Amino acid sequence: MTDQRSFARTVIALSLAVIACCVLTFTIMLLAGSPAVQPQRVLDQEALARAVLNHAESDSSFAKPPTIDDVSCPASIPVEAGREFECNVGVGTGNTGGRAWVKVKIKDDQGDLSMD
């Protein structure tokens, strides 16, 4: 009789362990697919600065051509369709340089940009 109770307890304990492992696995898989757990995508700062620089060079007349170091954009901009922000392209001071503000809009969740 004691052997049967011991066997029953062992089976129950193993069953509970298997169920706990299944629940834990399901929870991890559920959370891994959740957007709240995945890191937020942000724009690549260097690529953004190059795109703004190319736009500013084609639309503005600077006394001295701007370089990538002359571009200033907000940091860590989340990739969200419709988000708008401004970048500054500034060269020198006074009459010896130039300054332009470039309005940037994120067109889609892939990070495609439009600039004005």
N, C-alpha and C. Protein backbone atom coordinates (compact mmCIF):
# COMPACT_ATOMS: atom_id res chain seq x y z
N MET A 1 0.81 -1.18 0.00
CA MET A 1 0.00 0.00 0.00
C MET A 1 0.87 1.26 0.00
N THR A 2 1.95 1.22 0.74
CA THR A 2 2.86 2.36 0.81
C THR A 2 3.51 2.61 -0.54
N ASP A 3 3.83 1.53 -1.26
CA ASP A 3 4.45 1.69 -2.57
C ASP A 3 3.50 2.36 -3.56
N GLN A 4 2.22 2.06 -3.46
CA GLN A 4 1.24 2.66 -4.36
C GLN A 4 1.09 4.15 -4.09
N ARG A 5 1.10 4.54 -2.83
CA ARG A 5 1.00 5.97 -2.48
C ARG A 5 2.26 6.71 -2.93
N SER A 6 3.39 6.10 -2.74
CA SER A 6 4.65 6.71 -3.15
C SER A 6 4.68 6.88 -4.66
N PHE A 7 4.25 5.88 -5.38
CA PHE A 7 4.20 5.95 -6.84
C PHE A 7 3.22 7.04 -7.29
N ALA A 8 2.07 7.13 -6.66
CA ALA A 8 1.06 8.14 -7.01
C ALA A 8 1.60 9.55 -6.75
N ARG A 9 2.29 9.73 -5.64
CA ARG A 9 2.88 11.04 -5.34
C ARG A 9 3.94 11.42 -6.36
N THR A 10 4.73 10.44 -6.77
CA THR A 10 5.77 10.69 -7.76
C THR A 10 5.16 11.08 -9.10
N VAL A 11 4.12 10.38 -9.50
CA VAL A 11 3.44 10.69 -10.76
C VAL A 11 2.83 12.09 -10.70
N ILE A 12 2.20 12.41 -9.61
CA ILE A 12 1.59 13.75 -9.45
C ILE A 12 2.67 14.82 -9.48
N ALA A 13 3.78 14.60 -8.78
CA ALA A 13 4.86 15.59 -8.75
C ALA A 13 5.44 15.77 -10.15
N LEU A 14 5.67 14.71 -10.87
CA LEU A 14 6.21 14.83 -12.24
C LEU A 14 5.21 15.53 -13.16
N SER A 15 3.93 15.22 -13.00
CA SER A 15 2.89 15.86 -13.81
C SER A 15 2.86 17.37 -13.57
N LEU A 16 2.95 17.76 -12.31
CA LEU A 16 2.96 19.19 -11.98
C LEU A 16 4.21 19.88 -12.52
N ALA A 17 5.34 19.17 -12.49
CA ALA A 17 6.58 19.74 -13.03
C ALA A 17 6.47 19.94 -14.54
N VAL A 18 5.89 18.98 -15.23
CA VAL A 18 5.71 19.10 -16.68
C VAL A 18 4.76 20.25 -17.01
N ILE A 19 3.66 20.34 -16.27
CA ILE A 19 2.71 21.44 -16.49
C ILE A 19 3.37 22.79 -16.23
N ALA A 20 4.16 22.90 -15.17
CA ALA A 20 4.85 24.15 -14.86
C ALA A 20 5.82 24.52 -15.98
N CYS A 21 6.54 23.54 -16.51
CA CYS A 21 7.47 23.81 -17.62
C CYS A 21 6.73 24.28 -18.86
N CYS A 22 5.58 23.66 -19.15
CA CYS A 22 4.78 24.07 -20.31
C CYS A 22 4.26 25.49 -20.15
N VAL A 23 3.77 25.81 -18.98
CA VAL A 23 3.27 27.17 -18.72
C VAL A 23 4.41 28.19 -18.84
N LEU A 24 5.56 27.87 -18.29
CA LEU A 24 6.71 28.76 -18.37
C LEU A 24 7.14 28.96 -19.82
N THR A 25 7.20 27.90 -20.60
CA THR A 25 7.57 28.00 -22.01
C THR A 25 6.57 28.84 -22.78
N PHE A 26 5.29 28.61 -22.56
CA PHE A 26 4.25 29.38 -23.24
C PHE A 26 4.35 30.87 -22.88
N THR A 27 4.58 31.17 -21.62
CA THR A 27 4.70 32.56 -21.17
C THR A 27 5.90 33.24 -21.83
N ILE A 28 7.02 32.56 -21.89
CA ILE A 28 8.22 33.14 -22.53
C ILE A 28 7.98 33.38 -24.01
N MET A 29 7.35 32.42 -24.69
CA MET A 29 7.07 32.60 -26.11
C MET A 29 6.09 33.75 -26.34
N LEU A 30 5.11 33.88 -25.49
CA LEU A 30 4.14 34.95 -25.60
C LEU A 30 4.80 36.31 -25.41
N LEU A 31 5.64 36.42 -24.40
CA LEU A 31 6.31 37.69 -24.13
C LEU A 31 7.35 38.04 -25.19
N ALA A 32 8.00 37.04 -25.75
CA ALA A 32 9.02 37.30 -26.77
C ALA A 32 8.39 37.89 -28.02
N GLY A 33 7.16 37.54 -28.30
CA GLY A 33 6.48 38.08 -29.48
C GLY A 33 5.75 39.38 -29.21
N SER A 34 5.71 39.80 -27.98
CA SER A 34 5.00 41.01 -27.61
C SER A 34 5.81 42.25 -27.96
N PRO A 35 5.18 43.26 -28.61
CA PRO A 35 5.91 44.48 -28.95
C PRO A 35 6.40 45.24 -27.73
N ALA A 36 5.74 45.07 -26.59
CA ALA A 36 6.15 45.79 -25.39
C ALA A 36 7.50 45.30 -24.88
N VAL A 37 7.86 44.06 -25.20
CA VAL A 37 9.11 43.49 -24.70
C VAL A 37 10.26 43.77 -25.66
N GLN A 38 9.96 43.85 -26.96
CA GLN A 38 11.00 44.07 -27.95
C GLN A 38 11.51 45.51 -27.85
N PRO A 39 12.83 45.70 -28.08
CA PRO A 39 13.38 47.05 -27.98
C PRO A 39 12.81 47.96 -29.06
N GLN A 40 12.67 49.21 -28.72
CA GLN A 40 12.12 50.18 -29.65
C GLN A 40 13.14 50.51 -30.73
N ARG A 41 12.71 50.50 -31.98
CA ARG A 41 13.60 50.83 -33.08
C ARG A 41 13.75 52.35 -33.17
N VAL A 42 14.98 52.80 -33.38
CA VAL A 42 15.26 54.22 -33.52
C VAL A 42 16.01 54.44 -34.83
N LEU A 43 15.95 55.68 -35.32
CA LEU A 43 16.64 56.02 -36.55
C LEU A 43 18.15 55.98 -36.36
N ASP A 44 18.86 55.55 -37.38
CA ASP A 44 20.33 55.54 -37.39
C ASP A 44 20.79 57.00 -37.50
N GLN A 45 21.48 57.50 -36.49
CA GLN A 45 21.87 58.91 -36.44
C GLN A 45 22.77 59.31 -37.61
N GLU A 46 23.72 58.45 -37.95
CA GLU A 46 24.65 58.79 -39.03
C GLU A 46 23.93 58.83 -40.37
N ALA A 47 23.09 57.86 -40.65
CA ALA A 47 22.33 57.85 -41.91
C ALA A 47 21.38 59.04 -41.98
N LEU A 48 20.76 59.38 -40.86
CA LEU A 48 19.88 60.54 -40.80
C LEU A 48 20.65 61.82 -41.10
N ALA A 49 21.81 61.98 -40.48
CA ALA A 49 22.63 63.18 -40.71
C ALA A 49 23.05 63.27 -42.18
N ARG A 50 23.43 62.15 -42.80
CA ARG A 50 23.81 62.17 -44.22
C ARG A 50 22.64 62.58 -45.11
N ALA A 51 21.45 62.04 -44.82
CA ALA A 51 20.27 62.37 -45.61
C ALA A 51 19.92 63.86 -45.48
N VAL A 52 19.99 64.38 -44.26
CA VAL A 52 19.70 65.80 -44.02
C VAL A 52 20.75 66.67 -44.72
N LEU A 53 22.00 66.27 -44.64
CA LEU A 53 23.07 67.02 -45.29
C LEU A 53 22.86 67.06 -46.80
N ASN A 54 22.53 65.94 -47.41
CA ASN A 54 22.28 65.90 -48.85
C ASN A 54 21.11 66.81 -49.22
N HIS A 55 20.07 66.80 -48.42
CA HIS A 55 18.91 67.66 -48.68
C HIS A 55 19.28 69.14 -48.53
N ALA A 56 20.02 69.46 -47.49
CA ALA A 56 20.40 70.87 -47.25
C ALA A 56 21.33 71.38 -48.33
N GLU A 57 22.25 70.55 -48.80
CA GLU A 57 23.18 70.98 -49.84
C GLU A 57 22.44 71.28 -51.14
N SER A 58 21.38 70.53 -51.43
CA SER A 58 20.66 70.74 -52.68
C SER A 58 19.68 71.91 -52.60
N ASP A 59 19.22 72.26 -51.41
CA ASP A 59 18.20 73.30 -51.27
C ASP A 59 18.73 74.64 -50.75
N SER A 60 19.91 74.68 -50.20
CA SER A 60 20.40 75.91 -49.56
C SER A 60 21.68 76.37 -50.21
N SER A 61 21.92 77.66 -50.10
CA SER A 61 23.19 78.20 -50.58
C SER A 61 24.01 78.62 -49.37
N PHE A 62 25.07 77.90 -49.13
CA PHE A 62 25.97 78.18 -48.02
C PHE A 62 27.23 78.83 -48.57
N ALA A 63 27.81 79.74 -47.80
CA ALA A 63 29.08 80.35 -48.19
C ALA A 63 30.17 79.30 -48.24
N LYS A 64 30.08 78.34 -47.35
CA LYS A 64 31.02 77.23 -47.29
C LYS A 64 30.19 75.95 -47.25
N PRO A 65 30.54 74.94 -48.05
CA PRO A 65 29.73 73.72 -48.04
C PRO A 65 29.69 73.08 -46.65
N PRO A 66 28.50 72.69 -46.19
CA PRO A 66 28.40 72.05 -44.87
C PRO A 66 28.97 70.63 -44.90
N THR A 67 29.36 70.18 -43.75
CA THR A 67 29.85 68.80 -43.60
C THR A 67 28.91 68.07 -42.66
N ILE A 68 29.14 66.79 -42.51
CA ILE A 68 28.29 65.98 -41.62
C ILE A 68 28.37 66.46 -40.17
N ASP A 69 29.49 67.06 -39.80
CA ASP A 69 29.65 67.59 -38.43
C ASP A 69 28.80 68.83 -38.19
N ASP A 70 28.31 69.45 -39.26
CA ASP A 70 27.48 70.65 -39.14
C ASP A 70 26.00 70.32 -38.96
N VAL A 71 25.64 69.05 -39.01
CA VAL A 71 24.25 68.63 -38.90
C VAL A 71 23.94 68.25 -37.45
N SER A 72 22.84 68.78 -36.95
CA SER A 72 22.41 68.50 -35.59
C SER A 72 20.94 68.06 -35.61
N CYS A 73 20.71 66.79 -35.22
CA CYS A 73 19.36 66.23 -35.16
C CYS A 73 19.10 65.70 -33.76
N PRO A 74 17.83 65.61 -33.35
CA PRO A 74 17.52 65.00 -32.06
C PRO A 74 18.02 63.56 -32.01
N ALA A 75 18.40 63.11 -30.84
CA ALA A 75 18.94 61.76 -30.68
C ALA A 75 17.83 60.76 -30.38
N SER A 76 18.06 59.52 -30.76
CA SER A 76 17.18 58.38 -30.43
C SER A 76 15.73 58.63 -30.81
N ILE A 77 15.50 58.93 -32.08
CA ILE A 77 14.14 59.17 -32.55
C ILE A 77 13.49 57.83 -32.88
N PRO A 78 12.38 57.49 -32.21
CA PRO A 78 11.71 56.22 -32.49
C PRO A 78 11.15 56.19 -33.91
N VAL A 79 11.22 55.03 -34.55
CA VAL A 79 10.68 54.87 -35.90
C VAL A 79 9.17 54.67 -35.76
N GLU A 80 8.43 55.75 -35.99
CA GLU A 80 6.97 55.73 -35.93
C GLU A 80 6.45 56.52 -37.11
N ALA A 81 5.62 55.91 -37.93
CA ALA A 81 5.06 56.58 -39.10
C ALA A 81 4.35 57.86 -38.67
N GLY A 82 4.64 58.95 -39.38
CA GLY A 82 4.00 60.24 -39.11
C GLY A 82 4.77 61.13 -38.16
N ARG A 83 5.78 60.62 -37.48
CA ARG A 83 6.55 61.44 -36.53
C ARG A 83 7.31 62.52 -37.31
N GLU A 84 7.30 63.74 -36.81
CA GLU A 84 8.00 64.86 -37.43
C GLU A 84 8.97 65.49 -36.45
N PHE A 85 10.09 65.97 -36.97
CA PHE A 85 11.08 66.67 -36.15
C PHE A 85 11.93 67.53 -37.08
N GLU A 86 12.77 68.37 -36.50
CA GLU A 86 13.63 69.26 -37.29
C GLU A 86 15.09 69.00 -36.99
N CYS A 87 15.90 69.13 -38.03
CA CYS A 87 17.35 69.06 -37.89
C CYS A 87 17.93 70.40 -38.32
N ASN A 88 19.03 70.77 -37.72
CA ASN A 88 19.70 72.03 -38.01
C ASN A 88 21.00 71.75 -38.77
N VAL A 89 21.19 72.50 -39.85
CA VAL A 89 22.46 72.45 -40.57
C VAL A 89 23.04 73.85 -40.47
N GLY A 90 24.14 73.98 -39.75
CA GLY A 90 24.73 75.30 -39.55
C GLY A 90 26.21 75.30 -39.86
N VAL A 91 26.64 76.31 -40.62
CA VAL A 91 28.05 76.45 -41.00
C VAL A 91 28.50 77.85 -40.64
N GLY A 92 29.59 77.95 -39.88
CA GLY A 92 30.16 79.26 -39.55
C GLY A 92 29.19 80.14 -38.80
N THR A 93 29.50 81.45 -38.80
CA THR A 93 28.65 82.43 -38.12
C THR A 93 28.49 83.65 -39.01
N GLY A 94 27.43 84.37 -38.82
CA GLY A 94 27.21 85.62 -39.54
C GLY A 94 27.16 85.42 -41.05
N ASN A 95 27.82 86.35 -41.79
CA ASN A 95 27.81 86.30 -43.25
C ASN A 95 28.77 85.27 -43.83
N THR A 96 29.61 84.69 -43.00
CA THR A 96 30.62 83.75 -43.50
C THR A 96 30.10 82.32 -43.56
N GLY A 97 28.89 82.10 -43.13
CA GLY A 97 28.39 80.72 -43.09
C GLY A 97 26.99 80.63 -43.62
N GLY A 98 26.18 79.91 -42.92
CA GLY A 98 24.78 79.75 -43.30
C GLY A 98 24.11 78.81 -42.32
N ARG A 99 22.81 78.83 -42.35
CA ARG A 99 22.06 77.99 -41.43
C ARG A 99 20.78 77.56 -42.13
N ALA A 100 20.42 76.31 -41.95
CA ALA A 100 19.18 75.81 -42.53
C ALA A 100 18.52 74.86 -41.55
N TRP A 101 17.20 74.93 -41.51
CA TRP A 101 16.41 73.98 -40.72
C TRP A 101 15.74 73.06 -41.70
N VAL A 102 15.88 71.77 -41.47
CA VAL A 102 15.27 70.78 -42.36
C VAL A 102 14.20 70.05 -41.57
N LYS A 103 12.97 70.12 -42.07
CA LYS A 103 11.86 69.42 -41.43
C LYS A 103 11.83 68.00 -41.97
N VAL A 104 11.89 67.02 -41.07
CA VAL A 104 11.94 65.60 -41.43
C VAL A 104 10.67 64.92 -40.95
N LYS A 105 10.09 64.08 -41.81
CA LYS A 105 8.91 63.30 -41.44
C LYS A 105 9.19 61.84 -41.75
N ILE A 106 8.88 60.97 -40.79
CA ILE A 106 9.02 59.53 -41.00
C ILE A 106 7.76 59.06 -41.72
N LYS A 107 7.95 58.51 -42.94
CA LYS A 107 6.80 58.15 -43.78
C LYS A 107 6.15 56.83 -43.37
N ASP A 108 6.95 55.87 -42.92
CA ASP A 108 6.39 54.55 -42.60
C ASP A 108 7.20 53.89 -41.49
N ASP A 109 6.77 52.71 -41.08
CA ASP A 109 7.44 52.01 -39.98
C ASP A 109 8.76 51.36 -40.40
N GLN A 110 9.14 51.52 -41.66
CA GLN A 110 10.44 51.04 -42.13
C GLN A 110 11.52 52.11 -42.01
N GLY A 111 11.14 53.34 -41.64
CA GLY A 111 12.10 54.41 -41.44
C GLY A 111 12.34 55.26 -42.69
N ASP A 112 11.47 55.13 -43.71
CA ASP A 112 11.61 55.99 -44.89
C ASP A 112 11.28 57.42 -44.50
N LEU A 113 12.06 58.37 -45.04
CA LEU A 113 11.93 59.77 -44.64
C LEU A 113 11.51 60.66 -45.79
N SER A 114 10.84 61.75 -45.46
CA SER A 114 10.61 62.84 -46.41
C SER A 114 11.11 64.11 -45.74
N MET A 115 11.64 65.03 -46.55
CA MET A 115 12.23 66.26 -45.99
C MET A 115 11.73 67.48 -46.74
N ASP A 116 11.50 68.54 -45.96
CA ASP A 116 11.10 69.84 -46.51
C ASP A 116 12.09 70.89 -46.09
